[in-house]
N, C-alpha and C. Protein backbone atom coordinates (compact mmCIF):
# COMPACT_ATOMS: atom_id res chain seq x y z
N MET A 1 -44.13 -4.24 36.02
CA MET A 1 -43.92 -5.59 36.31
C MET A 1 -45.00 -6.47 35.68
N ALA A 2 -44.52 -7.40 34.86
CA ALA A 2 -45.43 -8.22 34.20
C ALA A 2 -45.98 -9.37 35.10
N SER A 3 -47.26 -9.73 34.82
CA SER A 3 -47.97 -10.62 35.70
C SER A 3 -47.57 -12.08 35.17
N ARG A 4 -47.41 -12.96 36.21
CA ARG A 4 -47.12 -14.37 35.78
C ARG A 4 -48.27 -14.92 35.13
N TYR A 5 -49.50 -14.32 35.10
CA TYR A 5 -50.58 -14.86 34.42
C TYR A 5 -50.75 -14.42 33.01
N THR A 6 -49.90 -13.57 32.52
CA THR A 6 -49.88 -13.04 31.09
C THR A 6 -50.05 -14.09 30.14
N SER A 7 -49.47 -15.22 30.11
CA SER A 7 -49.50 -16.29 29.14
C SER A 7 -50.40 -17.36 29.30
N ILE A 8 -51.11 -17.36 30.65
CA ILE A 8 -52.05 -18.39 30.88
C ILE A 8 -53.40 -18.15 30.22
N ASN A 9 -53.82 -19.28 29.66
CA ASN A 9 -55.18 -19.20 28.86
C ASN A 9 -56.30 -18.83 29.74
N THR A 10 -57.16 -18.06 29.09
CA THR A 10 -58.38 -17.69 29.80
C THR A 10 -59.44 -18.37 29.21
N THR A 11 -60.71 -18.38 29.94
CA THR A 11 -61.89 -19.06 29.48
C THR A 11 -62.98 -18.23 29.60
N LEU A 12 -63.89 -18.36 28.73
CA LEU A 12 -65.23 -17.58 28.71
C LEU A 12 -66.22 -18.49 28.93
N ASP A 13 -67.09 -18.32 29.96
CA ASP A 13 -68.01 -19.35 30.42
C ASP A 13 -69.44 -18.55 30.30
N LYS A 14 -70.42 -19.16 29.68
CA LYS A 14 -71.79 -18.59 29.66
C LYS A 14 -72.38 -18.91 31.04
N VAL A 15 -72.99 -17.79 31.54
CA VAL A 15 -73.66 -17.90 32.87
C VAL A 15 -75.19 -18.60 32.45
N PRO A 16 -75.44 -19.64 33.26
CA PRO A 16 -76.79 -20.38 32.81
C PRO A 16 -77.94 -19.41 33.01
N ASN A 17 -78.80 -19.59 32.17
CA ASN A 17 -80.10 -18.78 32.07
C ASN A 17 -79.87 -17.24 31.97
N SER A 18 -78.87 -16.93 31.25
CA SER A 18 -78.39 -15.55 31.17
C SER A 18 -77.72 -15.28 29.72
N LYS A 19 -77.54 -14.07 29.40
CA LYS A 19 -76.77 -13.68 28.19
C LYS A 19 -75.43 -13.34 28.54
N LYS A 20 -75.05 -13.35 29.91
CA LYS A 20 -73.75 -12.98 30.40
C LYS A 20 -72.72 -14.06 30.15
N THR A 21 -71.41 -13.71 30.23
CA THR A 21 -70.30 -14.62 30.30
C THR A 21 -69.39 -14.15 31.33
N THR A 22 -68.61 -15.09 31.73
CA THR A 22 -67.59 -14.74 32.83
C THR A 22 -66.32 -15.05 32.33
N LEU A 23 -65.37 -14.25 32.64
CA LEU A 23 -63.93 -14.47 32.22
C LEU A 23 -63.18 -15.16 33.35
N GLY A 24 -62.42 -16.14 33.07
CA GLY A 24 -61.64 -16.83 34.20
C GLY A 24 -60.39 -17.22 33.57
N TYR A 25 -59.50 -17.58 34.55
CA TYR A 25 -58.17 -18.20 34.10
C TYR A 25 -58.17 -19.59 34.29
N GLN A 26 -57.39 -20.34 33.48
CA GLN A 26 -57.27 -21.72 33.68
C GLN A 26 -56.44 -21.90 34.95
N THR A 27 -56.28 -23.03 35.62
CA THR A 27 -55.64 -23.35 36.76
C THR A 27 -54.15 -23.26 36.58
N VAL A 28 -53.35 -22.57 37.35
CA VAL A 28 -51.97 -22.34 37.16
C VAL A 28 -51.31 -23.62 37.99
N LYS A 29 -50.32 -24.14 37.38
CA LYS A 29 -49.55 -25.26 37.89
C LYS A 29 -48.16 -24.78 38.24
N TYR A 30 -47.63 -25.09 39.48
CA TYR A 30 -46.40 -24.69 39.74
C TYR A 30 -45.41 -25.77 39.85
N PRO A 31 -44.22 -25.84 39.36
CA PRO A 31 -43.27 -26.87 39.29
C PRO A 31 -42.77 -27.06 40.73
N GLU A 32 -42.32 -28.29 40.99
CA GLU A 32 -41.64 -28.73 42.21
C GLU A 32 -40.24 -28.17 41.95
N ILE A 33 -39.55 -27.50 43.00
CA ILE A 33 -38.26 -26.85 42.71
C ILE A 33 -37.27 -27.69 43.48
N PRO A 34 -36.43 -28.42 42.81
CA PRO A 34 -35.49 -29.43 43.55
C PRO A 34 -34.37 -28.52 44.17
N LEU A 35 -33.88 -29.07 45.34
CA LEU A 35 -32.71 -28.34 45.95
C LEU A 35 -31.59 -28.35 45.01
N SER A 36 -30.76 -27.30 45.12
CA SER A 36 -29.48 -27.13 44.42
C SER A 36 -28.43 -26.71 45.41
N ILE A 37 -27.27 -27.01 45.11
CA ILE A 37 -26.03 -26.52 45.95
C ILE A 37 -25.91 -25.02 45.66
N ASN A 38 -26.40 -24.50 44.67
CA ASN A 38 -26.26 -23.07 44.51
C ASN A 38 -27.30 -22.25 45.13
N ASP A 39 -28.38 -22.84 45.71
CA ASP A 39 -29.43 -22.06 46.46
C ASP A 39 -28.82 -21.17 47.34
N ILE A 40 -29.44 -20.06 47.70
CA ILE A 40 -29.08 -19.06 48.77
C ILE A 40 -30.15 -19.22 49.81
N TYR A 41 -29.68 -19.09 51.15
CA TYR A 41 -30.51 -19.14 52.20
C TYR A 41 -30.41 -17.80 52.86
N VAL A 42 -31.73 -17.14 53.19
CA VAL A 42 -31.69 -15.82 53.95
C VAL A 42 -32.56 -16.00 55.17
N ILE A 43 -32.53 -15.14 56.16
CA ILE A 43 -33.48 -15.06 57.22
C ILE A 43 -34.14 -13.84 57.05
N THR A 44 -35.41 -13.78 57.15
CA THR A 44 -36.22 -12.55 56.88
C THR A 44 -36.24 -11.61 58.01
N THR A 45 -36.36 -10.45 57.77
CA THR A 45 -36.35 -9.39 58.71
C THR A 45 -37.71 -8.56 58.58
N LEU A 46 -37.86 -7.63 59.48
CA LEU A 46 -39.05 -6.83 59.50
C LEU A 46 -39.15 -6.00 58.11
N GLY A 47 -40.29 -6.05 57.50
CA GLY A 47 -40.60 -5.48 56.21
C GLY A 47 -40.32 -6.28 55.08
N ASP A 48 -39.56 -7.38 55.20
CA ASP A 48 -39.52 -8.35 53.99
C ASP A 48 -40.84 -8.94 53.52
N ARG A 49 -40.83 -8.97 52.16
CA ARG A 49 -42.01 -9.41 51.40
C ARG A 49 -41.49 -10.28 50.35
N LEU A 50 -42.21 -11.26 49.78
CA LEU A 50 -41.78 -12.15 48.75
C LEU A 50 -41.39 -11.33 47.44
N ASP A 51 -42.30 -10.35 47.12
CA ASP A 51 -42.02 -9.55 45.87
C ASP A 51 -40.80 -8.70 45.98
N LEU A 52 -40.34 -8.25 47.13
CA LEU A 52 -39.27 -7.42 47.38
C LEU A 52 -37.90 -8.22 47.43
N ILE A 53 -38.14 -9.45 47.97
CA ILE A 53 -36.99 -10.44 47.92
C ILE A 53 -36.63 -10.78 46.48
N ALA A 54 -37.71 -11.15 45.74
CA ALA A 54 -37.62 -11.52 44.34
C ALA A 54 -37.04 -10.41 43.54
N GLN A 55 -37.31 -9.15 43.87
CA GLN A 55 -36.66 -7.98 43.10
C GLN A 55 -35.17 -7.92 43.45
N GLN A 56 -34.85 -8.19 44.81
CA GLN A 56 -33.58 -8.11 45.20
C GLN A 56 -32.62 -9.26 44.49
N PHE A 57 -33.11 -10.45 44.47
CA PHE A 57 -32.34 -11.55 43.97
C PHE A 57 -32.45 -11.88 42.36
N TYR A 58 -33.67 -11.47 41.92
CA TYR A 58 -33.94 -11.88 40.53
C TYR A 58 -34.12 -10.55 39.53
N SER A 59 -34.12 -9.41 40.33
CA SER A 59 -34.52 -8.14 39.58
C SER A 59 -35.88 -8.25 38.88
N ASP A 60 -36.79 -8.99 39.48
CA ASP A 60 -38.11 -9.07 38.85
C ASP A 60 -39.07 -9.52 40.03
N PRO A 61 -39.90 -8.53 40.41
CA PRO A 61 -40.73 -8.95 41.64
C PRO A 61 -41.74 -9.89 41.24
N SER A 62 -42.16 -9.99 40.06
CA SER A 62 -43.28 -10.99 39.61
C SER A 62 -42.80 -12.40 39.88
N LEU A 63 -41.50 -12.52 40.12
CA LEU A 63 -41.01 -14.14 40.20
C LEU A 63 -41.04 -14.51 41.61
N TYR A 64 -41.80 -13.70 42.52
CA TYR A 64 -42.02 -14.13 43.94
C TYR A 64 -42.50 -15.58 44.01
N TRP A 65 -43.32 -15.99 43.17
CA TRP A 65 -43.82 -17.27 43.21
C TRP A 65 -42.70 -18.45 43.23
N ILE A 66 -41.58 -18.13 42.70
CA ILE A 66 -40.49 -19.01 42.73
C ILE A 66 -39.97 -19.28 44.10
N ILE A 67 -39.80 -18.26 44.80
CA ILE A 67 -39.34 -18.31 46.29
C ILE A 67 -40.54 -19.02 47.14
N SER A 68 -41.80 -18.66 46.81
CA SER A 68 -42.91 -19.19 47.43
C SER A 68 -42.96 -20.66 47.31
N SER A 69 -42.84 -21.18 45.98
CA SER A 69 -42.84 -22.45 45.71
C SER A 69 -41.77 -23.31 46.33
N ALA A 70 -40.53 -22.72 46.43
CA ALA A 70 -39.42 -23.30 46.95
C ALA A 70 -39.47 -23.49 48.37
N ASN A 71 -40.40 -22.83 49.10
CA ASN A 71 -40.57 -22.89 50.56
C ASN A 71 -42.03 -23.18 51.02
N PRO A 72 -42.54 -24.24 50.56
CA PRO A 72 -43.90 -24.59 50.92
C PRO A 72 -44.30 -24.79 52.25
N ASP A 73 -43.40 -25.09 53.12
CA ASP A 73 -43.75 -25.36 54.50
C ASP A 73 -43.51 -24.02 55.38
N VAL A 74 -43.14 -22.98 54.83
CA VAL A 74 -43.12 -21.58 55.60
C VAL A 74 -43.80 -20.47 54.94
N VAL A 75 -44.23 -20.74 53.62
CA VAL A 75 -44.77 -19.56 52.78
C VAL A 75 -46.14 -20.00 52.28
N ASN A 76 -47.11 -19.08 52.51
CA ASN A 76 -48.41 -19.29 51.88
C ASN A 76 -48.37 -18.68 50.37
N LEU A 77 -48.61 -19.53 49.36
CA LEU A 77 -48.51 -19.12 48.07
C LEU A 77 -49.50 -17.96 47.86
N GLY A 78 -50.55 -17.78 48.58
CA GLY A 78 -51.50 -16.67 48.37
C GLY A 78 -51.09 -15.52 49.03
N SER A 79 -49.95 -15.40 49.68
CA SER A 79 -49.57 -14.00 50.34
C SER A 79 -48.09 -13.74 49.97
N LEU A 80 -47.79 -12.38 49.98
CA LEU A 80 -46.57 -11.95 49.89
C LEU A 80 -45.78 -11.88 51.22
N PHE A 81 -46.39 -11.80 52.25
CA PHE A 81 -45.80 -11.64 53.63
C PHE A 81 -45.27 -12.83 54.10
N ILE A 82 -44.11 -12.71 54.88
CA ILE A 82 -43.47 -13.73 55.65
C ILE A 82 -43.19 -13.29 57.01
N PRO A 83 -43.30 -14.35 57.92
CA PRO A 83 -43.04 -13.94 59.32
C PRO A 83 -41.52 -13.60 59.54
N VAL A 84 -41.22 -12.56 60.32
CA VAL A 84 -39.93 -12.26 60.70
C VAL A 84 -39.08 -13.47 61.16
N GLY A 85 -37.94 -13.69 60.80
CA GLY A 85 -36.98 -14.79 61.26
C GLY A 85 -37.18 -16.11 60.55
N THR A 86 -37.90 -16.09 59.40
CA THR A 86 -38.21 -17.27 58.67
C THR A 86 -36.94 -17.44 57.74
N GLU A 87 -36.44 -18.80 57.71
CA GLU A 87 -35.32 -19.04 56.69
C GLU A 87 -35.97 -19.43 55.43
N LEU A 88 -35.53 -18.62 54.45
CA LEU A 88 -36.08 -18.96 52.99
C LEU A 88 -34.90 -19.46 52.12
N ARG A 89 -35.28 -20.35 51.32
CA ARG A 89 -34.40 -20.94 50.13
C ARG A 89 -34.66 -20.03 48.94
N ILE A 90 -33.55 -19.52 48.53
CA ILE A 90 -33.79 -18.66 47.23
C ILE A 90 -33.11 -19.57 46.03
N PRO A 91 -33.94 -20.07 45.24
CA PRO A 91 -33.34 -20.96 44.20
C PRO A 91 -32.62 -19.98 43.12
N THR A 92 -31.45 -20.40 42.65
CA THR A 92 -30.66 -19.53 41.68
C THR A 92 -30.86 -20.03 40.18
N ASN A 93 -31.47 -21.15 39.98
CA ASN A 93 -31.55 -21.73 38.54
C ASN A 93 -33.06 -21.22 38.00
N ILE A 94 -33.28 -19.89 37.94
CA ILE A 94 -34.55 -19.37 37.59
C ILE A 94 -34.94 -19.67 36.22
N SER A 95 -34.03 -19.66 35.21
CA SER A 95 -34.38 -19.95 33.78
C SER A 95 -34.95 -21.45 33.67
N ALA A 96 -34.30 -22.47 34.46
CA ALA A 96 -34.78 -23.78 34.33
C ALA A 96 -36.22 -23.77 35.05
N ILE A 97 -36.41 -23.07 36.12
CA ILE A 97 -37.70 -23.10 36.77
C ILE A 97 -38.80 -22.48 36.06
N LYS A 98 -38.44 -21.39 35.29
CA LYS A 98 -39.46 -20.81 34.43
C LYS A 98 -39.73 -21.56 33.32
N SER A 99 -38.75 -22.32 32.82
CA SER A 99 -39.03 -23.29 31.68
C SER A 99 -39.98 -24.31 32.14
N LEU A 100 -39.81 -24.96 33.41
CA LEU A 100 -40.63 -25.95 33.82
C LEU A 100 -42.09 -25.47 34.10
N PHE A 101 -42.25 -24.22 34.55
CA PHE A 101 -43.48 -23.52 34.64
C PHE A 101 -44.14 -23.48 33.39
N ASN A 102 -43.52 -23.10 32.30
CA ASN A 102 -44.08 -22.96 30.95
C ASN A 102 -44.54 -24.27 30.43
N GLN A 103 -43.75 -25.23 30.61
CA GLN A 103 -44.19 -26.66 30.20
C GLN A 103 -45.32 -27.14 30.93
N LEU A 104 -45.49 -26.87 32.14
CA LEU A 104 -46.58 -27.31 32.95
C LEU A 104 -47.96 -26.66 32.55
N ASN A 105 -47.77 -25.43 32.10
CA ASN A 105 -48.99 -24.51 31.81
C ASN A 105 -49.15 -24.40 30.34
N ASN A 106 -48.33 -25.19 29.51
CA ASN A 106 -48.53 -25.24 28.07
C ASN A 106 -48.46 -23.93 27.41
N ILE A 107 -47.35 -23.10 27.87
CA ILE A 107 -47.04 -21.72 27.35
C ILE A 107 -45.91 -21.79 26.35
């Protein structure tokens, strides 16, 4: 599984009063995902996780962030876990969403 951070620029910062440097990632920006008539809606069950749902619908678990971004009121972007019984919107226009992500992050 490829990381969504693969193409994100990194930074090297010198630690003050030291010869050490730290490696960091630039801030990742996520696109707003508009509603579409083609979106799919599912109700989560026990054991569901965003990466597993992304694998099921997109054949790529690293695209879990699309589902998370499409459901900001019910999903924490920092977690793969979703409460049982949560209705999730699954966007189907992933190529357009990935293109917006790449534009926002200058990839």
